[in-house]
Amino acid sequence: MKVKNLAESVKYQDNAIVSSEILKKDTGTITVFAFDKGQGLSEHTAPFDASVYILDGEAEVTIAGESLKVKSGEMIIMPANKPHALLAKDKFKMLLIMVKN
């Protein structure tokens, strides 16, 4: 067993998205990301629910055309099969938990 500081497990890099996979199983994954300002993930869908917890900063999350600001300490669930995207208006770090149905 090991205690892990998630916010410190990835470092910001200029003009990049950095990720560190914490757990990978057949039933899902847990990954920490660091997004530099202006970086993002384009709109896509996934066949399973995905939870995003913001560790640092603020993200713009768009789900099925609705744009929401999610700040440090807040969480949002991106439902399966709904188009979603993320954008860093300023740099942010997030914990992504994907659970396969």
N, C-alpha and C. Protein backbone atom coordinates (compact mmCIF):
# COMPACT_ATOMS: atom_id res chain seq x y z
N MET A 1 0.84 -1.18 0.00
CA MET A 1 0.00 0.00 0.00
C MET A 1 0.88 1.24 0.00
N LYS A 2 0.37 2.28 -0.63
CA LYS A 2 1.14 3.50 -0.73
C LYS A 2 0.18 4.68 -0.80
N VAL A 3 0.49 5.73 -0.04
CA VAL A 3 -0.28 6.96 -0.11
C VAL A 3 0.29 7.78 -1.25
N LYS A 4 -0.60 8.36 -2.07
CA LYS A 4 -0.16 9.10 -3.25
C LYS A 4 -0.79 10.48 -3.27
N ASN A 5 0.01 11.51 -3.50
CA ASN A 5 -0.50 12.86 -3.68
C ASN A 5 -0.79 13.02 -5.17
N LEU A 6 -2.07 12.98 -5.55
CA LEU A 6 -2.45 12.98 -6.96
C LEU A 6 -2.03 14.25 -7.68
N ALA A 7 -2.20 15.40 -7.05
CA ALA A 7 -1.85 16.67 -7.70
C ALA A 7 -0.35 16.75 -8.01
N GLU A 8 0.46 16.07 -7.23
CA GLU A 8 1.90 16.10 -7.45
C GLU A 8 2.38 14.97 -8.36
N SER A 9 1.49 14.08 -8.77
CA SER A 9 1.90 12.93 -9.58
C SER A 9 2.11 13.29 -11.05
N VAL A 10 1.64 14.47 -11.48
CA VAL A 10 1.92 14.97 -12.82
C VAL A 10 2.34 16.44 -12.72
N LYS A 11 3.24 16.82 -13.59
CA LYS A 11 3.72 18.20 -13.62
C LYS A 11 3.23 18.88 -14.89
N TYR A 12 2.98 20.17 -14.80
CA TYR A 12 2.61 20.94 -15.98
C TYR A 12 3.80 21.01 -16.93
N GLN A 13 3.51 20.94 -18.24
CA GLN A 13 4.53 21.14 -19.26
C GLN A 13 3.97 22.13 -20.28
N ASP A 14 4.81 23.04 -20.75
CA ASP A 14 4.39 24.05 -21.71
C ASP A 14 3.77 23.40 -22.95
N ASN A 15 2.60 23.93 -23.35
CA ASN A 15 1.92 23.51 -24.58
C ASN A 15 1.67 22.01 -24.66
N ALA A 16 1.34 21.39 -23.51
CA ALA A 16 1.18 19.94 -23.51
C ALA A 16 0.11 19.48 -22.53
N ILE A 17 -0.31 18.25 -22.73
CA ILE A 17 -1.15 17.52 -21.78
C ILE A 17 -0.29 16.36 -21.29
N VAL A 18 -0.15 16.25 -19.98
CA VAL A 18 0.65 15.19 -19.37
C VAL A 18 -0.29 14.28 -18.58
N SER A 19 -0.08 12.98 -18.66
CA SER A 19 -0.93 12.06 -17.91
C SER A 19 -0.11 10.99 -17.21
N SER A 20 -0.70 10.47 -16.15
CA SER A 20 -0.09 9.37 -15.40
C SER A 20 -1.21 8.41 -15.00
N GLU A 21 -1.14 7.19 -15.51
CA GLU A 21 -2.16 6.20 -15.20
C GLU A 21 -1.87 5.63 -13.81
N ILE A 22 -2.86 5.75 -12.93
CA ILE A 22 -2.72 5.29 -11.55
C ILE A 22 -3.16 3.83 -11.41
N LEU A 23 -4.23 3.48 -12.14
CA LEU A 23 -4.80 2.13 -12.05
C LEU A 23 -5.42 1.77 -13.39
N LYS A 24 -5.16 0.55 -13.86
CA LYS A 24 -5.77 0.06 -15.09
C LYS A 24 -6.26 -1.35 -14.86
N LYS A 25 -7.57 -1.53 -15.03
CA LYS A 25 -8.18 -2.85 -14.88
C LYS A 25 -9.18 -3.04 -16.02
N ASP A 26 -9.66 -4.25 -16.18
CA ASP A 26 -10.67 -4.51 -17.21
C ASP A 26 -11.95 -3.71 -16.95
N THR A 27 -12.21 -3.39 -15.70
CA THR A 27 -13.45 -2.69 -15.32
C THR A 27 -13.33 -1.17 -15.35
N GLY A 28 -12.12 -0.64 -15.59
CA GLY A 28 -11.98 0.81 -15.68
C GLY A 28 -10.55 1.27 -15.40
N THR A 29 -10.38 2.59 -15.43
CA THR A 29 -9.06 3.18 -15.22
C THR A 29 -9.16 4.42 -14.33
N ILE A 30 -8.04 4.75 -13.71
CA ILE A 30 -7.89 6.00 -12.96
C ILE A 30 -6.62 6.66 -13.48
N THR A 31 -6.77 7.90 -13.98
CA THR A 31 -5.65 8.61 -14.60
C THR A 31 -5.64 10.05 -14.12
N VAL A 32 -4.45 10.59 -13.87
CA VAL A 32 -4.28 11.99 -13.51
C VAL A 32 -3.71 12.72 -14.73
N PHE A 33 -4.28 13.90 -15.03
CA PHE A 33 -3.86 14.70 -16.17
C PHE A 33 -3.45 16.10 -15.70
N ALA A 34 -2.50 16.71 -16.42
CA ALA A 34 -2.16 18.12 -16.26
C ALA A 34 -2.27 18.76 -17.65
N PHE A 35 -3.12 19.77 -17.78
CA PHE A 35 -3.34 20.47 -19.04
C PHE A 35 -2.73 21.86 -18.95
N ASP A 36 -1.88 22.22 -19.90
CA ASP A 36 -1.39 23.59 -19.96
C ASP A 36 -2.48 24.47 -20.58
N LYS A 37 -2.38 25.76 -20.33
CA LYS A 37 -3.35 26.72 -20.86
C LYS A 37 -3.49 26.54 -22.37
N GLY A 38 -4.75 26.49 -22.83
CA GLY A 38 -5.04 26.35 -24.25
C GLY A 38 -5.13 24.92 -24.75
N GLN A 39 -4.74 23.96 -23.93
CA GLN A 39 -4.80 22.56 -24.32
C GLN A 39 -6.19 21.99 -24.03
N GLY A 40 -6.53 20.90 -24.68
CA GLY A 40 -7.83 20.29 -24.43
C GLY A 40 -7.98 18.95 -25.11
N LEU A 41 -9.12 18.35 -24.88
CA LEU A 41 -9.50 17.11 -25.55
C LEU A 41 -10.71 17.45 -26.41
N SER A 42 -10.62 17.16 -27.70
CA SER A 42 -11.72 17.48 -28.61
C SER A 42 -12.93 16.59 -28.31
N GLU A 43 -14.07 17.01 -28.84
CA GLU A 43 -15.32 16.31 -28.55
C GLU A 43 -15.23 14.84 -29.00
N HIS A 44 -15.66 13.97 -28.12
CA HIS A 44 -15.68 12.53 -28.38
C HIS A 44 -16.72 11.88 -27.48
N THR A 45 -16.98 10.62 -27.69
CA THR A 45 -17.88 9.86 -26.82
C THR A 45 -17.14 8.65 -26.27
N ALA A 46 -17.67 8.09 -25.21
CA ALA A 46 -17.11 6.87 -24.62
C ALA A 46 -18.29 5.97 -24.25
N PRO A 47 -18.11 4.67 -24.33
CA PRO A 47 -19.21 3.74 -24.04
C PRO A 47 -19.43 3.49 -22.55
N PHE A 48 -18.78 4.31 -21.70
CA PHE A 48 -18.93 4.13 -20.25
C PHE A 48 -18.85 5.49 -19.56
N ASP A 49 -19.38 5.55 -18.35
CA ASP A 49 -19.36 6.80 -17.57
C ASP A 49 -17.93 7.19 -17.21
N ALA A 50 -17.69 8.51 -17.16
CA ALA A 50 -16.38 9.02 -16.77
C ALA A 50 -16.58 10.14 -15.76
N SER A 51 -15.88 10.08 -14.65
CA SER A 51 -15.94 11.11 -13.62
C SER A 51 -14.67 11.93 -13.67
N VAL A 52 -14.83 13.27 -13.62
CA VAL A 52 -13.69 14.17 -13.61
C VAL A 52 -13.71 14.95 -12.31
N TYR A 53 -12.60 14.89 -11.56
CA TYR A 53 -12.44 15.65 -10.33
C TYR A 53 -11.28 16.61 -10.57
N ILE A 54 -11.52 17.91 -10.41
CA ILE A 54 -10.49 18.91 -10.65
C ILE A 54 -9.61 19.03 -9.40
N LEU A 55 -8.32 18.77 -9.58
CA LEU A 55 -7.35 18.82 -8.49
C LEU A 55 -6.76 20.21 -8.32
N ASP A 56 -6.64 20.95 -9.43
CA ASP A 56 -5.99 22.26 -9.42
C ASP A 56 -6.51 23.05 -10.61
N GLY A 57 -6.80 24.33 -10.41
CA GLY A 57 -7.22 25.18 -11.51
C GLY A 57 -8.69 25.05 -11.84
N GLU A 58 -9.03 25.30 -13.10
CA GLU A 58 -10.41 25.29 -13.55
C GLU A 58 -10.48 24.81 -15.00
N ALA A 59 -11.45 23.94 -15.29
CA ALA A 59 -11.62 23.40 -16.63
C ALA A 59 -12.96 23.83 -17.20
N GLU A 60 -13.00 23.94 -18.51
CA GLU A 60 -14.29 24.11 -19.20
C GLU A 60 -14.64 22.75 -19.77
N VAL A 61 -15.75 22.19 -19.28
CA VAL A 61 -16.19 20.87 -19.70
C VAL A 61 -17.49 21.04 -20.48
N THR A 62 -17.53 20.50 -21.68
CA THR A 62 -18.74 20.56 -22.50
C THR A 62 -19.29 19.15 -22.63
N ILE A 63 -20.57 18.99 -22.25
CA ILE A 63 -21.26 17.71 -22.35
C ILE A 63 -22.53 17.92 -23.14
N ALA A 64 -22.66 17.21 -24.26
CA ALA A 64 -23.84 17.29 -25.12
C ALA A 64 -24.20 18.75 -25.43
N GLY A 65 -23.19 19.55 -25.73
CA GLY A 65 -23.40 20.94 -26.12
C GLY A 65 -23.51 21.94 -24.99
N GLU A 66 -23.57 21.49 -23.74
CA GLU A 66 -23.67 22.39 -22.59
C GLU A 66 -22.29 22.57 -21.96
N SER A 67 -21.84 23.83 -21.90
CA SER A 67 -20.51 24.14 -21.37
C SER A 67 -20.61 24.52 -19.89
N LEU A 68 -19.74 23.92 -19.09
CA LEU A 68 -19.72 24.16 -17.64
C LEU A 68 -18.30 24.42 -17.17
N LYS A 69 -18.15 25.30 -16.19
CA LYS A 69 -16.85 25.53 -15.55
C LYS A 69 -16.79 24.64 -14.31
N VAL A 70 -15.70 23.90 -14.19
CA VAL A 70 -15.51 23.00 -13.05
C VAL A 70 -14.19 23.40 -12.40
N LYS A 71 -14.25 23.77 -11.11
CA LYS A 71 -13.09 24.31 -10.40
C LYS A 71 -12.48 23.30 -9.44
N SER A 72 -11.29 23.64 -8.97
CA SER A 72 -10.58 22.83 -7.99
C SER A 72 -11.51 22.42 -6.86
N GLY A 73 -11.54 21.14 -6.55
CA GLY A 73 -12.39 20.62 -5.49
C GLY A 73 -13.77 20.20 -5.98
N GLU A 74 -14.07 20.43 -7.26
CA GLU A 74 -15.38 20.06 -7.82
C GLU A 74 -15.25 18.85 -8.76
N MET A 75 -16.39 18.19 -8.96
CA MET A 75 -16.43 16.97 -9.77
C MET A 75 -17.61 17.03 -10.72
N ILE A 76 -17.46 16.40 -11.88
CA ILE A 76 -18.55 16.28 -12.83
C ILE A 76 -18.52 14.88 -13.43
N ILE A 77 -19.68 14.34 -13.73
CA ILE A 77 -19.77 13.03 -14.36
C ILE A 77 -20.17 13.23 -15.82
N MET A 78 -19.40 12.63 -16.71
CA MET A 78 -19.69 12.66 -18.13
C MET A 78 -20.35 11.33 -18.47
N PRO A 79 -21.67 11.35 -18.76
CA PRO A 79 -22.40 10.10 -18.98
C PRO A 79 -21.94 9.34 -20.23
N ALA A 80 -22.08 8.05 -20.18
CA ALA A 80 -21.74 7.20 -21.31
C ALA A 80 -22.51 7.63 -22.56
N ASN A 81 -21.83 7.56 -23.70
CA ASN A 81 -22.41 7.81 -25.01
C ASN A 81 -22.87 9.24 -25.26
N LYS A 82 -22.52 10.18 -24.39
CA LYS A 82 -22.82 11.61 -24.60
C LYS A 82 -21.53 12.28 -25.07
N PRO A 83 -21.60 13.08 -26.14
CA PRO A 83 -20.38 13.77 -26.58
C PRO A 83 -19.88 14.74 -25.51
N HIS A 84 -18.57 14.74 -25.30
CA HIS A 84 -17.98 15.63 -24.30
C HIS A 84 -16.59 16.08 -24.75
N ALA A 85 -16.16 17.23 -24.20
CA ALA A 85 -14.85 17.80 -24.52
C ALA A 85 -14.36 18.57 -23.31
N LEU A 86 -13.04 18.80 -23.23
CA LEU A 86 -12.45 19.57 -22.14
C LEU A 86 -11.51 20.61 -22.73
N LEU A 87 -11.46 21.79 -22.08
CA LEU A 87 -10.59 22.86 -22.53
C LEU A 87 -9.99 23.57 -21.32
N ALA A 88 -8.70 23.87 -21.41
CA ALA A 88 -7.99 24.60 -20.35
C ALA A 88 -7.93 26.07 -20.71
N LYS A 89 -8.83 26.88 -20.15
CA LYS A 89 -8.75 28.33 -20.34
C LYS A 89 -7.51 28.84 -19.62
N ASP A 90 -7.15 28.16 -18.54
CA ASP A 90 -5.90 28.34 -17.82
C ASP A 90 -5.47 26.92 -17.45
N LYS A 91 -4.27 26.71 -17.02
CA LYS A 91 -3.83 25.34 -16.73
C LYS A 91 -4.65 24.72 -15.60
N PHE A 92 -4.83 23.40 -15.68
CA PHE A 92 -5.54 22.67 -14.63
C PHE A 92 -5.07 21.22 -14.59
N LYS A 93 -5.32 20.59 -13.43
CA LYS A 93 -5.05 19.16 -13.25
C LYS A 93 -6.36 18.48 -12.89
N MET A 94 -6.52 17.25 -13.36
CA MET A 94 -7.75 16.52 -13.07
C MET A 94 -7.47 15.04 -12.84
N LEU A 95 -8.36 14.44 -12.08
CA LEU A 95 -8.39 13.01 -11.88
C LEU A 95 -9.54 12.48 -12.72
N LEU A 96 -9.25 11.54 -13.62
CA LEU A 96 -10.27 10.94 -14.47
C LEU A 96 -10.49 9.50 -14.03
N ILE A 97 -11.74 9.19 -13.69
CA ILE A 97 -12.10 7.83 -13.29
C ILE A 97 -13.12 7.31 -14.31
N MET A 98 -12.74 6.29 -15.04
CA MET A 98 -13.64 5.70 -16.01
C MET A 98 -14.05 4.31 -15.53
N VAL A 99 -15.37 4.10 -15.49
CA VAL A 99 -15.92 2.83 -15.04
C VAL A 99 -16.66 2.22 -16.23
N LYS A 100 -16.22 1.05 -16.63
CA LYS A 100 -16.87 0.38 -17.78
C LYS A 100 -18.16 -0.28 -17.33
N ASN A 101 -19.18 -0.17 -18.19
CA ASN A 101 -20.49 -0.77 -17.89
C ASN A 101 -20.48 -2.25 -18.20
